[in-house]
Amino acid sequence: MKNDNSEYNVHQRFLLIDENLRKIFTLQQLTTQMLCSFIVASGNKDTFVEYIKNASVVSGNNMESQMEYARDIVLKMFETVKVS
């Protein structure tokens, strides 16, 4: 679906939003995987794992469940990273 100034119906708009959110999510996943690989290769995995385990959101944002989700994803990535 191309992204131009033409008219979209509601369904088409949701499809476009979904497509863009999936691209952003995938890019974030790839970026996080690269960062985890760099950290593991540099020998700093344990330090960063502890940092991630203790990371929290700024109070008042009501984003605790989202932070827990993000923390779990990053910790899983650290466990799967293999560098040679």
PDB file of N, CA and C in Angstrom:
ATOM      1  N   MET A   1       0.857  -1.172   0.000  1.00  0.00           N
ATOM      2  CA  MET A   1       0.000   0.000   0.000  1.00  0.00           C
ATOM      3  C   MET A   1       0.900   1.231   0.000  1.00  0.00           C
ATOM      4  N   LYS A   2       0.710   2.090  -0.971  1.00  0.00           N
ATOM      5  CA  LYS A   2       1.560   3.271  -1.049  1.00  0.00           C
ATOM      6  C   LYS A   2       1.064   4.350  -0.100  1.00  0.00           C
ATOM      7  N   ASN A   3       1.983   5.191   0.306  1.00  0.00           N
ATOM      8  CA  ASN A   3       1.668   6.246   1.260  1.00  0.00           C
ATOM      9  C   ASN A   3       1.741   7.584   0.536  1.00  0.00           C
ATOM     10  N   ASP A   4       0.606   8.066   0.054  1.00  0.00           N
ATOM     11  CA  ASP A   4       0.566   9.366  -0.618  1.00  0.00           C
ATOM     12  C   ASP A   4      -0.615  10.164  -0.074  1.00  0.00           C
ATOM     13  N   ASN A   5      -0.992  11.206  -0.754  1.00  0.00           N
ATOM     14  CA  ASN A   5      -2.059  12.078  -0.270  1.00  0.00           C
ATOM     15  C   ASN A   5      -3.447  11.672  -0.747  1.00  0.00           C
ATOM     16  N   SER A   6      -3.588  10.502  -1.359  1.00  0.00           N
ATOM     17  CA  SER A   6      -4.904  10.085  -1.843  1.00  0.00           C
ATOM     18  C   SER A   6      -5.824   9.760  -0.667  1.00  0.00           C
ATOM     19  N   GLU A   7      -7.098   9.692  -0.968  1.00  0.00           N
ATOM     20  CA  GLU A   7      -8.099   9.413   0.060  1.00  0.00           C
ATOM     21  C   GLU A   7      -8.067   7.931   0.433  1.00  0.00           C
ATOM     22  N   TYR A   8      -8.172   7.641   1.719  1.00  0.00           N
ATOM     23  CA  TYR A   8      -8.244   6.275   2.218  1.00  0.00           C
ATOM     24  C   TYR A   8      -9.542   6.108   2.991  1.00  0.00           C
ATOM     25  N   ASN A   9     -10.127   4.918   2.902  1.00  0.00           N
ATOM     26  CA  ASN A   9     -11.252   4.644   3.791  1.00  0.00           C
ATOM     27  C   ASN A   9     -10.685   4.207   5.144  1.00  0.00           C
ATOM     28  N   VAL A  10     -11.538   4.030   6.124  1.00  0.00           N
ATOM     29  CA  VAL A  10     -11.083   3.720   7.483  1.00  0.00           C
ATOM     30  C   VAL A  10     -10.283   2.418   7.509  1.00  0.00           C
ATOM     31  N   HIS A  11     -10.768   1.406   6.823  1.00  0.00           N
ATOM     32  CA  HIS A  11     -10.066   0.119   6.798  1.00  0.00           C
ATOM     33  C   HIS A  11      -8.663   0.279   6.205  1.00  0.00           C
ATOM     34  N   GLN A  12      -8.548   1.006   5.110  1.00  0.00           N
ATOM     35  CA  GLN A  12      -7.243   1.223   4.488  1.00  0.00           C
ATOM     36  C   GLN A  12      -6.308   1.987   5.424  1.00  0.00           C
ATOM     37  N   ARG A  13      -6.850   2.947   6.149  1.00  0.00           N
ATOM     38  CA  ARG A  13      -6.028   3.701   7.108  1.00  0.00           C
ATOM     39  C   ARG A  13      -5.502   2.781   8.207  1.00  0.00           C
ATOM     40  N   PHE A  14      -6.370   1.900   8.720  1.00  0.00           N
ATOM     41  CA  PHE A  14      -5.922   0.961   9.747  1.00  0.00           C
ATOM     42  C   PHE A  14      -4.867   0.004   9.202  1.00  0.00           C
ATOM     43  N   LEU A  15      -5.025  -0.439   7.965  1.00  0.00           N
ATOM     44  CA  LEU A  15      -4.017  -1.303   7.358  1.00  0.00           C
ATOM     45  C   LEU A  15      -2.682  -0.577   7.229  1.00  0.00           C
ATOM     46  N   LEU A  16      -2.715   0.670   6.828  1.00  0.00           N
ATOM     47  CA  LEU A  16      -1.496   1.464   6.695  1.00  0.00           C
ATOM     48  C   LEU A  16      -0.841   1.685   8.058  1.00  0.00           C
ATOM     49  N   ILE A  17      -1.648   1.997   9.058  1.00  0.00           N
ATOM     50  CA  ILE A  17      -1.123   2.176  10.418  1.00  0.00           C
ATOM     51  C   ILE A  17      -0.498   0.870  10.904  1.00  0.00           C
ATOM     52  N   ASP A  18      -1.192  -0.247  10.702  1.00  0.00           N
ATOM     53  CA  ASP A  18      -0.682  -1.551  11.118  1.00  0.00           C
ATOM     54  C   ASP A  18       0.643  -1.865  10.430  1.00  0.00           C
ATOM     55  N   GLU A  19       0.715  -1.620   9.131  1.00  0.00           N
ATOM     56  CA  GLU A  19       1.941  -1.873   8.374  1.00  0.00           C
ATOM     57  C   GLU A  19       3.099  -1.045   8.932  1.00  0.00           C
ATOM     58  N   ASN A  20       2.851   0.222   9.199  1.00  0.00           N
ATOM     59  CA  ASN A  20       3.907   1.088   9.717  1.00  0.00           C
ATOM     60  C   ASN A  20       4.319   0.703  11.134  1.00  0.00           C
ATOM     61  N   LEU A  21       3.365   0.332  11.974  1.00  0.00           N
ATOM     62  CA  LEU A  21       3.705  -0.115  13.332  1.00  0.00           C
ATOM     63  C   LEU A  21       4.539  -1.390  13.299  1.00  0.00           C
ATOM     64  N   ARG A  22       4.220  -2.290  12.386  1.00  0.00           N
ATOM     65  CA  ARG A  22       5.002  -3.521  12.256  1.00  0.00           C
ATOM     66  C   ARG A  22       6.432  -3.213  11.807  1.00  0.00           C
ATOM     67  N   LYS A  23       6.591  -2.275  10.905  1.00  0.00           N
ATOM     68  CA  LYS A  23       7.934  -1.881  10.463  1.00  0.00           C
ATOM     69  C   LYS A  23       8.727  -1.272  11.615  1.00  0.00           C
ATOM     70  N   ILE A  24       8.091  -0.404  12.377  1.00  0.00           N
ATOM     71  CA  ILE A  24       8.763   0.230  13.514  1.00  0.00           C
ATOM     72  C   ILE A  24       9.145  -0.821  14.552  1.00  0.00           C
ATOM     73  N   PHE A  25       8.228  -1.733  14.862  1.00  0.00           N
ATOM     74  CA  PHE A  25       8.499  -2.785  15.839  1.00  0.00           C
ATOM     75  C   PHE A  25       9.667  -3.651  15.382  1.00  0.00           C
ATOM     76  N   THR A  26       9.680  -4.025  14.103  1.00  0.00           N
ATOM     77  CA  THR A  26      10.749  -4.856  13.565  1.00  0.00           C
ATOM     78  C   THR A  26      12.084  -4.131  13.619  1.00  0.00           C
ATOM     79  N   LEU A  27      12.090  -2.859  13.280  1.00  0.00           N
ATOM     80  CA  LEU A  27      13.318  -2.070  13.358  1.00  0.00           C
ATOM     81  C   LEU A  27      13.820  -1.991  14.797  1.00  0.00           C
ATOM     82  N   GLN A  28      12.923  -1.800  15.750  1.00  0.00           N
ATOM     83  CA  GLN A  28      13.319  -1.766  17.162  1.00  0.00           C
ATOM     84  C   GLN A  28      13.886  -3.112  17.601  1.00  0.00           C
ATOM     85  N   GLN A  29      13.278  -4.197  17.150  1.00  0.00           N
ATOM     86  CA  GLN A  29      13.779  -5.529  17.489  1.00  0.00           C
ATOM     87  C   GLN A  29      15.196  -5.719  16.945  1.00  0.00           C
ATOM     88  N   LEU A  30      15.404  -5.362  15.684  1.00  0.00           N
ATOM     89  CA  LEU A  30      16.720  -5.516  15.073  1.00  0.00           C
ATOM     90  C   LEU A  30      17.759  -4.654  15.782  1.00  0.00           C
ATOM     91  N   THR A  31      17.401  -3.425  16.090  1.00  0.00           N
ATOM     92  CA  THR A  31      18.316  -2.526  16.791  1.00  0.00           C
ATOM     93  C   THR A  31      18.679  -3.091  18.159  1.00  0.00           C
ATOM     94  N   THR A  32      17.703  -3.608  18.871  1.00  0.00           N
ATOM     95  CA  THR A  32      17.954  -4.192  20.191  1.00  0.00           C
ATOM     96  C   THR A  32      18.831  -5.433  20.076  1.00  0.00           C
ATOM     97  N   GLN A  33      18.592  -6.257  19.069  1.00  0.00           N
ATOM     98  CA  GLN A  33      19.423  -7.444  18.867  1.00  0.00           C
ATOM     99  C   GLN A  33      20.868  -7.056  18.582  1.00  0.00           C
ATOM    100  N   MET A  34      21.066  -6.029  17.757  1.00  0.00           N
ATOM    101  CA  MET A  34      22.428  -5.575  17.468  1.00  0.00           C
ATOM    102  C   MET A  34      23.103  -5.049  18.725  1.00  0.00           C
ATOM    103  N   LEU A  35      22.369  -4.277  19.527  1.00  0.00           N
ATOM    104  CA  LEU A  35      22.915  -3.752  20.772  1.00  0.00           C
ATOM    105  C   LEU A  35      23.274  -4.896  21.721  1.00  0.00           C
ATOM    106  N   CYS A  36      22.395  -5.876  21.850  1.00  0.00           N
ATOM    107  CA  CYS A  36      22.681  -7.026  22.709  1.00  0.00           C
ATOM    108  C   CYS A  36      23.920  -7.776  22.223  1.00  0.00           C
ATOM    109  N   SER A  37      24.052  -7.951  20.923  1.00  0.00           N
ATOM    110  CA  SER A  37      25.223  -8.630  20.368  1.00  0.00           C
ATOM    111  C   SER A  37      26.501  -7.872  20.684  1.00  0.00           C
ATOM    112  N   PHE A  38      26.468  -6.566  20.536  1.00  0.00           N
ATOM    113  CA  PHE A  38      27.631  -5.740  20.846  1.00  0.00           C
ATOM    114  C   PHE A  38      27.992  -5.853  22.325  1.00  0.00           C
ATOM    115  N   ILE A  39      26.988  -5.799  23.190  1.00  0.00           N
ATOM    116  CA  ILE A  39      27.220  -5.878  24.633  1.00  0.00           C
ATOM    117  C   ILE A  39      27.804  -7.239  25.009  1.00  0.00           C
ATOM    118  N   VAL A  40      27.248  -8.315  24.460  1.00  0.00           N
ATOM    119  CA  VAL A  40      27.757  -9.653  24.753  1.00  0.00           C
ATOM    120  C   VAL A  40      29.188  -9.786  24.243  1.00  0.00           C
ATOM    121  N   ALA A  41      29.449  -9.328  23.024  1.00  0.00           N
ATOM    122  CA  ALA A  41      30.788  -9.429  22.448  1.00  0.00           C
ATOM    123  C   ALA A  41      31.815  -8.624  23.239  1.00  0.00           C
ATOM    124  N   SER A  42      31.379  -7.542  23.861  1.00  0.00           N
ATOM    125  CA  SER A  42      32.310  -6.706  24.629  1.00  0.00           C
ATOM    126  C   SER A  42      32.554  -7.248  26.035  1.00  0.00           C
ATOM    127  N   GLY A  43      31.842  -8.316  26.407  1.00  0.00           N
ATOM    128  CA  GLY A  43      32.040  -8.921  27.715  1.00  0.00           C
ATOM    129  C   GLY A  43      31.284  -8.239  28.841  1.00  0.00           C
ATOM    130  N   ASN A  44      30.331  -7.403  28.502  1.00  0.00           N
ATOM    131  CA  ASN A  44      29.588  -6.647  29.513  1.00  0.00           C
ATOM    132  C   ASN A  44      28.161  -7.144  29.730  1.00  0.00           C
ATOM    133  N   LYS A  45      27.881  -8.366  29.322  1.00  0.00           N
ATOM    134  CA  LYS A  45      26.511  -8.878  29.402  1.00  0.00           C
ATOM    135  C   LYS A  45      25.952  -8.824  30.823  1.00  0.00           C
ATOM    136  N   ASP A  46      26.698  -9.335  31.794  1.00  0.00           N
ATOM    137  CA  ASP A  46      26.180  -9.407  33.167  1.00  0.00           C
ATOM    138  C   ASP A  46      25.828  -8.030  33.718  1.00  0.00           C
ATOM    139  N   THR A  47      26.662  -7.045  33.441  1.00  0.00           N
ATOM    140  CA  THR A  47      26.399  -5.683  33.912  1.00  0.00           C
ATOM    141  C   THR A  47      25.116  -5.138  33.310  1.00  0.00           C
ATOM    142  N   PHE A  48      24.939  -5.322  32.010  1.00  0.00           N
ATOM    143  CA  PHE A  48      23.747  -4.795  31.352  1.00  0.00           C
ATOM    144  C   PHE A  48      22.493  -5.577  31.713  1.00  0.00           C
ATOM    145  N   VAL A  49      22.616  -6.878  31.933  1.00  0.00           N
ATOM    146  CA  VAL A  49      21.456  -7.661  32.368  1.00  0.00           C
ATOM    147  C   VAL A  49      20.968  -7.140  33.712  1.00  0.00           C
ATOM    148  N   GLU A  50      21.879  -6.861  34.618  1.00  0.00           N
ATOM    149  CA  GLU A  50      21.482  -6.297  35.916  1.00  0.00           C
ATOM    150  C   GLU A  50      20.829  -4.929  35.740  1.00  0.00           C
ATOM    151  N   TYR A  51      21.370  -4.130  34.844  1.00  0.00           N
ATOM    152  CA  TYR A  51      20.775  -2.814  34.575  1.00  0.00           C
ATOM    153  C   TYR A  51      19.338  -2.970  34.077  1.00  0.00           C
ATOM    154  N   ILE A  52      19.143  -3.869  33.118  1.00  0.00           N
ATOM    155  CA  ILE A  52      17.806  -4.083  32.553  1.00  0.00           C
ATOM    156  C   ILE A  52      16.849  -4.598  33.627  1.00  0.00           C
ATOM    157  N   LYS A  53      17.308  -5.518  34.454  1.00  0.00           N
ATOM    158  CA  LYS A  53      16.451  -6.056  35.516  1.00  0.00           C
ATOM    159  C   LYS A  53      15.996  -4.969  36.482  1.00  0.00           C
ATOM    160  N   ASN A  54      16.833  -3.965  36.685  1.00  0.00           N
ATOM    161  CA  ASN A  54      16.518  -2.904  37.645  1.00  0.00           C
ATOM    162  C   ASN A  54      15.961  -1.639  37.005  1.00  0.00           C
ATOM    163  N   ALA A  55      15.845  -1.617  35.692  1.00  0.00           N
ATOM    164  CA  ALA A  55      15.346  -0.423  35.001  1.00  0.00           C
ATOM    165  C   ALA A  55      13.876  -0.198  35.330  1.00  0.00           C
ATOM    166  N   SER A  56      13.492   1.052  35.392  1.00  0.00           N
ATOM    167  CA  SER A  56      12.091   1.383  35.669  1.00  0.00           C
ATOM    168  C   SER A  56      11.706   2.624  34.883  1.00  0.00           C
ATOM    169  N   VAL A  57      10.422   2.842  34.768  1.00  0.00           N
ATOM    170  CA  VAL A  57       9.929   4.025  34.073  1.00  0.00           C
ATOM    171  C   VAL A  57       9.905   5.200  35.035  1.00  0.00           C
ATOM    172  N   VAL A  58       9.894   6.391  34.477  1.00  0.00           N
ATOM    173  CA  VAL A  58       9.767   7.584  35.302  1.00  0.00           C
ATOM    174  C   VAL A  58       8.404   7.539  35.974  1.00  0.00           C
ATOM    175  N   SER A  59       8.366   7.788  37.253  1.00  0.00           N
ATOM    176  CA  SER A  59       7.100   7.682  37.985  1.00  0.00           C
ATOM    177  C   SER A  59       6.052   8.620  37.404  1.00  0.00           C
ATOM    178  N   GLY A  60       4.818   8.174  37.478  1.00  0.00           N
ATOM    179  CA  GLY A  60       3.708   8.981  36.995  1.00  0.00           C
ATOM    180  C   GLY A  60       3.332   8.732  35.550  1.00  0.00           C
ATOM    181  N   ASN A  61       4.091   7.896  34.838  1.00  0.00           N
ATOM    182  CA  ASN A  61       3.789   7.632  33.430  1.00  0.00           C
ATOM    183  C   ASN A  61       2.783   6.513  33.229  1.00  0.00           C
ATOM    184  N   ASN A  62       2.496   5.731  34.281  1.00  0.00           N
ATOM    185  CA  ASN A  62       1.551   4.627  34.187  1.00  0.00           C
ATOM    186  C   ASN A  62       1.918   3.668  33.054  1.00  0.00           C
ATOM    187  N   MET A  63       3.215   3.343  32.955  1.00  0.00           N
ATOM    188  CA  MET A  63       3.711   2.478  31.888  1.00  0.00           C
ATOM    189  C   MET A  63       4.429   1.248  32.449  1.00  0.00           C
ATOM    190  N   GLU A  64       4.101   0.868  33.668  1.00  0.00           N
ATOM    191  CA  GLU A  64       4.808  -0.231  34.310  1.00  0.00           C
ATOM    192  C   GLU A  64       4.672  -1.542  33.543  1.00  0.00           C
ATOM    193  N   SER A  65       3.478  -1.860  33.073  1.00  0.00           N
ATOM    194  CA  SER A  65       3.296  -3.126  32.352  1.00  0.00           C
ATOM    195  C   SER A  65       4.050  -3.122  31.022  1.00  0.00           C
ATOM    196  N   GLN A  66       4.110  -1.972  30.362  1.00  0.00           N
ATOM    197  CA  GLN A  66       4.864  -1.878  29.116  1.00  0.00           C
ATOM    198  C   GLN A  66       6.362  -2.025  29.379  1.00  0.00           C
ATOM    199  N   MET A  67       6.832  -1.463  30.500  1.00  0.00           N
ATOM    200  CA  MET A  67       8.242  -1.597  30.855  1.00  0.00           C
ATOM    201  C   MET A  67       8.573  -3.051  31.163  1.00  0.00           C
ATOM    202  N   GLU A  68       7.676  -3.731  31.856  1.00  0.00           N
ATOM    203  CA  GLU A  68       7.895  -5.144  32.156  1.00  0.00           C
ATOM    204  C   GLU A  68       7.972  -5.958  30.863  1.00  0.00           C
ATOM    205  N   TYR A  69       7.102  -5.657  29.920  1.00  0.00           N
ATOM    206  CA  TYR A  69       7.124  -6.333  28.616  1.00  0.00           C
ATOM    207  C   TYR A  69       8.461  -6.090  27.918  1.00  0.00           C
ATOM    208  N   ALA A  70       8.892  -4.835  27.853  1.00  0.00           N
ATOM    209  CA  ALA A  70      10.150  -4.489  27.185  1.00  0.00           C
ATOM    210  C   ALA A  70      11.332  -5.155  27.881  1.00  0.00           C
ATOM    211  N   ARG A  71      11.323  -5.141  29.198  1.00  0.00           N
ATOM    212  CA  ARG A  71      12.402  -5.760  29.976  1.00  0.00           C
ATOM    213  C   ARG A  71      12.483  -7.252  29.657  1.00  0.00           C
ATOM    214  N   ASP A  72      11.347  -7.937  29.625  1.00  0.00           N
ATOM    215  CA  ASP A  72      11.330  -9.370  29.323  1.00  0.00           C
ATOM    216  C   ASP A  72      11.876  -9.658  27.933  1.00  0.00           C
ATOM    217  N   ILE A  73      11.498  -8.845  26.962  1.00  0.00           N
ATOM    218  CA  ILE A  73      11.981  -9.042  25.587  1.00  0.00           C
ATOM    219  C   ILE A  73      13.491  -8.894  25.521  1.00  0.00           C
ATOM    220  N   VAL A  74      14.021  -7.832  26.128  1.00  0.00           N
ATOM    221  CA  VAL A  74      15.470  -7.591  26.073  1.00  0.00           C
ATOM    222  C   VAL A  74      16.222  -8.710  26.791  1.00  0.00           C
ATOM    223  N   LEU A  75      15.733  -9.151  27.934  1.00  0.00           N
ATOM    224  CA  LEU A  75      16.402 -10.238  28.652  1.00  0.00           C
ATOM    225  C   LEU A  75      16.388 -11.530  27.835  1.00  0.00           C
ATOM    226  N   LYS A  76      15.296 -11.807  27.137  1.00  0.00           N
ATOM    227  CA  LYS A  76      15.243 -12.987  26.264  1.00  0.00           C
ATOM    228  C   LYS A  76      16.255 -12.856  25.132  1.00  0.00           C
ATOM    229  N   MET A  77      16.392 -11.649  24.590  1.00  0.00           N
ATOM    230  CA  MET A  77      17.366 -11.441  23.515  1.00  0.00           C
ATOM    231  C   MET A  77      18.781 -11.691  24.010  1.00  0.00           C
ATOM    232  N   PHE A  78      19.094 -11.218  25.209  1.00  0.00           N
ATOM    233  CA  PHE A  78      20.428 -11.454  25.766  1.00  0.00           C
ATOM    234  C   PHE A  78      20.718 -12.945  25.863  1.00  0.00           C
ATOM    235  N   GLU A  79      19.709 -13.736  26.197  1.00  0.00           N
ATOM    236  CA  GLU A  79      19.910 -15.177  26.346  1.00  0.00           C
ATOM    237  C   GLU A  79      20.118 -15.881  25.009  1.00  0.00           C
ATOM    238  N   THR A  80      19.635 -15.302  23.928  1.00  0.00           N
ATOM    239  CA  THR A  80      19.740 -15.968  22.625  1.00  0.00           C
ATOM    240  C   THR A  80      20.930 -15.494  21.799  1.00  0.00           C
ATOM    241  N   VAL A  81      21.587 -14.421  22.228  1.00  0.00           N
ATOM    242  CA  VAL A  81      22.699 -13.866  21.447  1.00  0.00           C
ATOM    243  C   VAL A  81      23.896 -14.806  21.510  1.00  0.00           C
ATOM    244  N   LYS A  82      24.414 -15.133  20.361  1.00  0.00           N
ATOM    245  CA  LYS A  82      25.622 -15.944  20.246  1.00  0.00           C
ATOM    246  C   LYS A  82      26.633 -15.155  19.417  1.00  0.00           C
ATOM    247  N   VAL A  83      27.799 -14.942  19.977  1.00  0.00           N
ATOM    248  CA  VAL A  83      28.863 -14.276  19.231  1.00  0.00           C
ATOM    249  C   VAL A  83      30.077 -15.184  19.227  1.00  0.00           C
ATOM    250  N   SER A  84      30.858 -15.090  18.157  1.00  0.00           N
ATOM    251  CA  SER A  84      32.038 -15.956  18.076  1.00  0.00           C
ATOM    252  C   SER A  84      33.303 -15.150  18.038  1.00  0.00           C
TER     253      SER A  84
END
